[in-house]
N, C-alpha and C. Protein backbone atom coordinates (compact mmCIF):
# COMPACT_ATOMS: atom_id res chain seq x y z
N MET A 1 13.04 8.80 3.12
CA MET A 1 13.17 7.55 3.84
C MET A 1 12.69 6.42 2.92
N ASN A 2 13.48 5.37 2.81
CA ASN A 2 13.07 4.27 1.94
C ASN A 2 12.00 3.41 2.62
N PHE A 3 11.35 2.56 1.84
CA PHE A 3 10.21 1.80 2.34
C PHE A 3 10.61 0.83 3.45
N ASP A 4 11.77 0.20 3.34
CA ASP A 4 12.20 -0.72 4.40
C ASP A 4 12.37 0.01 5.73
N ASP A 5 12.93 1.22 5.70
CA ASP A 5 13.07 2.01 6.92
C ASP A 5 11.71 2.39 7.49
N ILE A 6 10.78 2.73 6.61
CA ILE A 6 9.42 3.05 7.06
C ILE A 6 8.80 1.83 7.73
N CYS A 7 8.94 0.66 7.12
CA CYS A 7 8.39 -0.57 7.70
C CYS A 7 9.02 -0.89 9.05
N ASP A 8 10.30 -0.60 9.18
CA ASP A 8 10.98 -0.88 10.45
C ASP A 8 10.52 0.04 11.57
N ASN A 9 10.10 1.26 11.25
CA ASN A 9 9.78 2.25 12.27
C ASN A 9 8.31 2.61 12.38
N PHE A 10 7.61 2.68 11.29
CA PHE A 10 6.25 3.18 11.23
C PHE A 10 5.26 2.43 12.13
N PRO A 11 5.24 1.10 12.10
CA PRO A 11 4.23 0.39 12.90
C PRO A 11 4.32 0.69 14.39
N HIS A 12 5.49 1.02 14.89
CA HIS A 12 5.66 1.27 16.32
C HIS A 12 5.03 2.60 16.74
N ASP A 13 4.87 3.50 15.79
CA ASP A 13 4.36 4.84 16.09
C ASP A 13 2.87 4.99 15.84
N HIS A 14 2.22 4.01 15.20
CA HIS A 14 0.82 4.15 14.81
C HIS A 14 0.05 2.87 15.14
N ASP A 15 -0.93 3.00 16.01
CA ASP A 15 -1.74 1.86 16.44
C ASP A 15 -2.52 1.27 15.25
N GLY A 16 -2.50 -0.04 15.15
CA GLY A 16 -3.24 -0.73 14.10
C GLY A 16 -2.44 -0.99 12.84
N ILE A 17 -1.22 -0.45 12.75
CA ILE A 17 -0.36 -0.63 11.58
C ILE A 17 0.48 -1.88 11.78
N GLU A 18 0.58 -2.69 10.72
CA GLU A 18 1.42 -3.88 10.79
C GLU A 18 2.15 -4.09 9.47
N VAL A 19 3.31 -4.72 9.58
CA VAL A 19 4.04 -5.14 8.38
C VAL A 19 3.51 -6.51 8.01
N SER A 20 3.19 -6.68 6.75
CA SER A 20 2.62 -7.93 6.26
C SER A 20 3.20 -8.21 4.88
N THR A 21 2.53 -9.02 4.10
CA THR A 21 2.94 -9.26 2.72
C THR A 21 1.72 -9.21 1.80
N MET A 22 1.99 -8.87 0.55
CA MET A 22 0.99 -8.89 -0.50
C MET A 22 1.71 -9.21 -1.79
N MET A 23 1.20 -10.14 -2.56
CA MET A 23 1.84 -10.57 -3.80
C MET A 23 3.30 -10.95 -3.55
N GLY A 24 3.56 -11.54 -2.37
CA GLY A 24 4.90 -11.99 -2.02
C GLY A 24 5.87 -10.88 -1.67
N THR A 25 5.36 -9.67 -1.43
CA THR A 25 6.19 -8.51 -1.16
C THR A 25 5.77 -7.89 0.18
N LYS A 26 6.74 -7.34 0.89
CA LYS A 26 6.47 -6.66 2.14
C LYS A 26 5.52 -5.49 1.89
N CYS A 27 4.53 -5.35 2.79
CA CYS A 27 3.60 -4.23 2.68
C CYS A 27 3.23 -3.75 4.07
N LEU A 28 2.58 -2.61 4.11
CA LEU A 28 2.01 -2.10 5.36
C LEU A 28 0.50 -2.20 5.27
N ARG A 29 -0.11 -2.60 6.39
CA ARG A 29 -1.56 -2.70 6.47
C ARG A 29 -2.04 -1.97 7.72
N TYR A 30 -3.26 -1.47 7.63
CA TYR A 30 -3.94 -0.91 8.80
C TYR A 30 -5.12 -1.80 9.11
N LYS A 31 -5.09 -2.45 10.28
CA LYS A 31 -6.14 -3.38 10.70
C LYS A 31 -6.50 -4.34 9.58
N GLY A 32 -5.48 -4.82 8.90
CA GLY A 32 -5.65 -5.81 7.84
C GLY A 32 -5.84 -5.23 6.45
N GLY A 33 -6.19 -3.96 6.36
CA GLY A 33 -6.41 -3.33 5.06
C GLY A 33 -5.12 -2.83 4.44
N PHE A 34 -4.94 -3.10 3.15
CA PHE A 34 -3.72 -2.70 2.45
C PHE A 34 -3.55 -1.18 2.46
N MET A 35 -2.29 -0.75 2.70
CA MET A 35 -1.92 0.67 2.66
C MET A 35 -0.87 0.97 1.61
N SER A 36 0.25 0.23 1.67
CA SER A 36 1.37 0.58 0.79
C SER A 36 2.35 -0.59 0.67
N MET A 37 3.10 -0.56 -0.45
CA MET A 37 4.15 -1.55 -0.67
C MET A 37 5.04 -1.06 -1.81
N MET A 38 6.23 -1.61 -1.90
CA MET A 38 7.11 -1.33 -3.04
C MET A 38 6.72 -2.27 -4.17
N PHE A 39 6.74 -1.76 -5.37
CA PHE A 39 6.49 -2.57 -6.57
C PHE A 39 7.79 -2.56 -7.36
N ASP A 40 8.58 -3.60 -7.15
CA ASP A 40 9.93 -3.66 -7.71
C ASP A 40 9.96 -3.60 -9.23
N LYS A 41 8.95 -4.15 -9.90
CA LYS A 41 8.94 -4.13 -11.37
C LYS A 41 8.95 -2.72 -11.92
N ALA A 42 8.39 -1.78 -11.16
CA ALA A 42 8.35 -0.38 -11.61
C ALA A 42 9.25 0.51 -10.76
N ASP A 43 9.95 -0.07 -9.78
CA ASP A 43 10.79 0.70 -8.86
C ASP A 43 10.00 1.89 -8.30
N ALA A 44 8.83 1.55 -7.72
CA ALA A 44 7.93 2.58 -7.22
C ALA A 44 7.18 2.09 -5.98
N LEU A 45 6.78 3.04 -5.16
CA LEU A 45 5.93 2.78 -4.01
C LEU A 45 4.48 2.82 -4.47
N ILE A 46 3.70 1.83 -4.05
CA ILE A 46 2.26 1.85 -4.31
C ILE A 46 1.58 2.28 -3.02
N ILE A 47 0.67 3.24 -3.13
CA ILE A 47 -0.13 3.64 -1.98
C ILE A 47 -1.61 3.54 -2.33
N LYS A 48 -2.42 3.33 -1.31
CA LYS A 48 -3.87 3.32 -1.49
C LYS A 48 -4.41 4.66 -1.01
N VAL A 49 -5.06 5.37 -1.92
CA VAL A 49 -5.69 6.66 -1.62
C VAL A 49 -7.00 6.73 -2.39
N SER A 50 -7.75 7.78 -2.19
CA SER A 50 -9.04 7.90 -2.87
C SER A 50 -8.85 7.97 -4.38
N PRO A 51 -9.86 7.53 -5.13
CA PRO A 51 -9.77 7.63 -6.59
C PRO A 51 -9.49 9.06 -7.08
N ALA A 52 -10.08 10.05 -6.42
CA ALA A 52 -9.82 11.44 -6.81
C ALA A 52 -8.36 11.81 -6.59
N ARG A 53 -7.79 11.34 -5.49
CA ARG A 53 -6.38 11.62 -5.21
C ARG A 53 -5.48 10.89 -6.20
N VAL A 54 -5.83 9.66 -6.57
CA VAL A 54 -5.08 8.93 -7.60
C VAL A 54 -5.02 9.78 -8.86
N ASP A 55 -6.19 10.25 -9.31
CA ASP A 55 -6.25 11.07 -10.52
C ASP A 55 -5.41 12.33 -10.38
N GLU A 56 -5.49 12.98 -9.23
CA GLU A 56 -4.73 14.20 -9.00
C GLU A 56 -3.22 13.95 -9.08
N LEU A 57 -2.75 12.89 -8.42
CA LEU A 57 -1.32 12.58 -8.43
C LEU A 57 -0.83 12.26 -9.84
N ILE A 58 -1.64 11.55 -10.60
CA ILE A 58 -1.26 11.22 -11.98
C ILE A 58 -1.26 12.49 -12.84
N GLU A 59 -2.30 13.29 -12.71
CA GLU A 59 -2.42 14.50 -13.53
C GLU A 59 -1.30 15.50 -13.28
N ASN A 60 -0.85 15.61 -12.01
CA ASN A 60 0.21 16.58 -11.73
C ASN A 60 1.62 16.00 -11.82
N GLY A 61 1.71 14.76 -12.31
CA GLY A 61 3.02 14.16 -12.56
C GLY A 61 3.72 13.57 -11.36
N GLN A 62 3.05 13.51 -10.22
CA GLN A 62 3.66 12.93 -9.02
C GLN A 62 3.47 11.42 -8.96
N GLY A 63 2.45 10.91 -9.63
CA GLY A 63 2.14 9.48 -9.55
C GLY A 63 1.97 8.87 -10.92
N LEU A 64 2.02 7.55 -10.93
CA LEU A 64 1.85 6.77 -12.15
C LEU A 64 0.71 5.78 -11.95
N GLU A 65 -0.04 5.54 -13.01
CA GLU A 65 -1.15 4.59 -12.95
C GLU A 65 -0.63 3.19 -12.62
N PHE A 66 -1.33 2.48 -11.75
CA PHE A 66 -1.00 1.09 -11.45
C PHE A 66 -2.03 0.22 -12.16
N ASN A 67 -1.55 -0.55 -13.13
CA ASN A 67 -2.44 -1.45 -13.87
C ASN A 67 -1.74 -2.79 -14.10
N TYR A 68 -1.36 -3.40 -13.02
CA TYR A 68 -0.61 -4.66 -13.02
C TYR A 68 -1.30 -5.75 -13.83
N THR A 69 -2.59 -5.78 -13.81
CA THR A 69 -3.34 -6.83 -14.51
C THR A 69 -4.04 -6.28 -15.75
N THR A 70 -3.54 -5.21 -16.29
CA THR A 70 -4.10 -4.46 -17.42
C THR A 70 -5.40 -3.74 -17.06
N LYS A 71 -5.81 -3.87 -15.82
CA LYS A 71 -6.98 -3.16 -15.31
C LYS A 71 -6.46 -2.09 -14.34
N ARG A 72 -6.94 -0.88 -14.49
CA ARG A 72 -6.51 0.19 -13.60
C ARG A 72 -7.12 0.00 -12.21
N PHE A 73 -6.26 0.08 -11.21
CA PHE A 73 -6.71 0.01 -9.83
C PHE A 73 -7.10 1.42 -9.41
N LYS A 74 -8.36 1.67 -9.15
CA LYS A 74 -8.84 3.03 -8.94
C LYS A 74 -8.34 3.68 -7.65
N GLU A 75 -7.92 2.87 -6.67
CA GLU A 75 -7.45 3.43 -5.40
C GLU A 75 -5.94 3.25 -5.19
N TRP A 76 -5.23 2.78 -6.18
CA TRP A 76 -3.79 2.57 -6.05
C TRP A 76 -3.06 3.46 -7.04
N VAL A 77 -1.96 4.03 -6.58
CA VAL A 77 -1.12 4.85 -7.44
C VAL A 77 0.34 4.55 -7.09
N MET A 78 1.20 4.62 -8.11
CA MET A 78 2.63 4.38 -7.89
C MET A 78 3.36 5.72 -7.78
N ILE A 79 4.24 5.79 -6.80
CA ILE A 79 5.10 6.95 -6.61
C ILE A 79 6.52 6.52 -6.96
N PRO A 80 7.12 7.09 -8.00
CA PRO A 80 8.45 6.66 -8.45
C PRO A 80 9.52 6.81 -7.37
N SER A 81 10.55 5.96 -7.47
CA SER A 81 11.61 5.95 -6.46
C SER A 81 12.40 7.25 -6.40
N GLU A 82 12.38 8.06 -7.45
CA GLU A 82 13.10 9.34 -7.36
C GLU A 82 12.46 10.27 -6.33
N ASP A 83 11.25 9.95 -5.89
CA ASP A 83 10.58 10.73 -4.84
C ASP A 83 10.63 10.02 -3.49
N GLU A 84 11.60 9.14 -3.32
CA GLU A 84 11.74 8.36 -2.09
C GLU A 84 11.78 9.22 -0.83
N ASP A 85 12.34 10.42 -0.93
CA ASP A 85 12.39 11.31 0.24
C ASP A 85 10.99 11.67 0.74
N ASP A 86 10.00 11.53 -0.12
CA ASP A 86 8.62 11.87 0.24
C ASP A 86 7.77 10.65 0.61
N TYR A 87 8.37 9.46 0.58
CA TYR A 87 7.60 8.24 0.82
C TYR A 87 6.88 8.24 2.16
N GLU A 88 7.53 8.71 3.21
CA GLU A 88 6.89 8.67 4.52
C GLU A 88 5.60 9.49 4.52
N GLY A 89 5.61 10.65 3.89
CA GLY A 89 4.41 11.46 3.80
C GLY A 89 3.31 10.78 3.01
N TYR A 90 3.69 10.10 1.93
CA TYR A 90 2.69 9.37 1.14
C TYR A 90 2.10 8.21 1.94
N VAL A 91 2.94 7.53 2.73
CA VAL A 91 2.44 6.42 3.55
C VAL A 91 1.49 6.96 4.63
N LEU A 92 1.82 8.11 5.21
CA LEU A 92 0.91 8.73 6.19
C LEU A 92 -0.43 9.09 5.54
N GLU A 93 -0.37 9.63 4.33
CA GLU A 93 -1.59 9.98 3.60
C GLU A 93 -2.43 8.72 3.34
N SER A 94 -1.77 7.64 2.95
CA SER A 94 -2.46 6.39 2.71
C SER A 94 -3.10 5.87 3.99
N MET A 95 -2.37 5.96 5.10
CA MET A 95 -2.90 5.50 6.38
C MET A 95 -4.19 6.25 6.73
N GLU A 96 -4.20 7.56 6.54
CA GLU A 96 -5.39 8.34 6.86
C GLU A 96 -6.58 7.90 6.00
N TYR A 97 -6.34 7.65 4.73
CA TYR A 97 -7.41 7.20 3.84
C TYR A 97 -7.91 5.81 4.25
N VAL A 98 -7.00 4.89 4.49
CA VAL A 98 -7.40 3.53 4.85
C VAL A 98 -8.14 3.52 6.19
N LYS A 99 -7.74 4.36 7.12
CA LYS A 99 -8.47 4.48 8.39
C LYS A 99 -9.92 4.91 8.14
N LEU A 100 -10.11 5.85 7.21
CA LEU A 100 -11.47 6.34 6.91
C LEU A 100 -12.36 5.26 6.31
N ILE A 101 -11.79 4.39 5.50
CA ILE A 101 -12.62 3.41 4.78
C ILE A 101 -12.68 2.05 5.47
N THR A 102 -11.88 1.84 6.51
CA THR A 102 -11.86 0.55 7.20
C THR A 102 -13.06 0.44 8.12
N LYS A 103 -13.84 -0.58 7.89
CA LYS A 103 -15.02 -0.82 8.71
C LYS A 103 -14.61 -1.63 9.94
N PRO A 104 -15.17 -1.28 11.09
CA PRO A 104 -14.87 -2.07 12.30
C PRO A 104 -15.35 -3.51 12.12
N LYS A 105 -14.57 -4.44 12.64
CA LYS A 105 -14.95 -5.85 12.56
C LYS A 105 -16.08 -6.12 13.54
N LYS A 106 -17.04 -6.93 13.09
CA LYS A 106 -18.15 -7.29 13.96
C LYS A 106 -17.69 -8.27 15.01
N LYS A 107 -18.22 -8.12 16.20
CA LYS A 107 -17.83 -9.01 17.30
C LYS A 107 -18.72 -10.21 17.37
């Protein structure tokens, strides 16, 4: 499933998920926290996962390092478009991670 299809359907099935923008590009957020977006310059999906998972995905050839500003983002990894059929699973994985690290807003 491509990212636009995920954005069209995903938020309706998961509480707290919204379509937003980041760097002028459509993204998915959980309670305001970044989860995933397409990075057109690399034709890849960016997901937010734990630093250990980023390393694992890169080491096993499933992911690519994201270093847009020449600095490596420790919680972001790019998934190439040839793995588009797996994007929904990666977005679900990102959602679970972002849920774990999202702090409740103070009232």
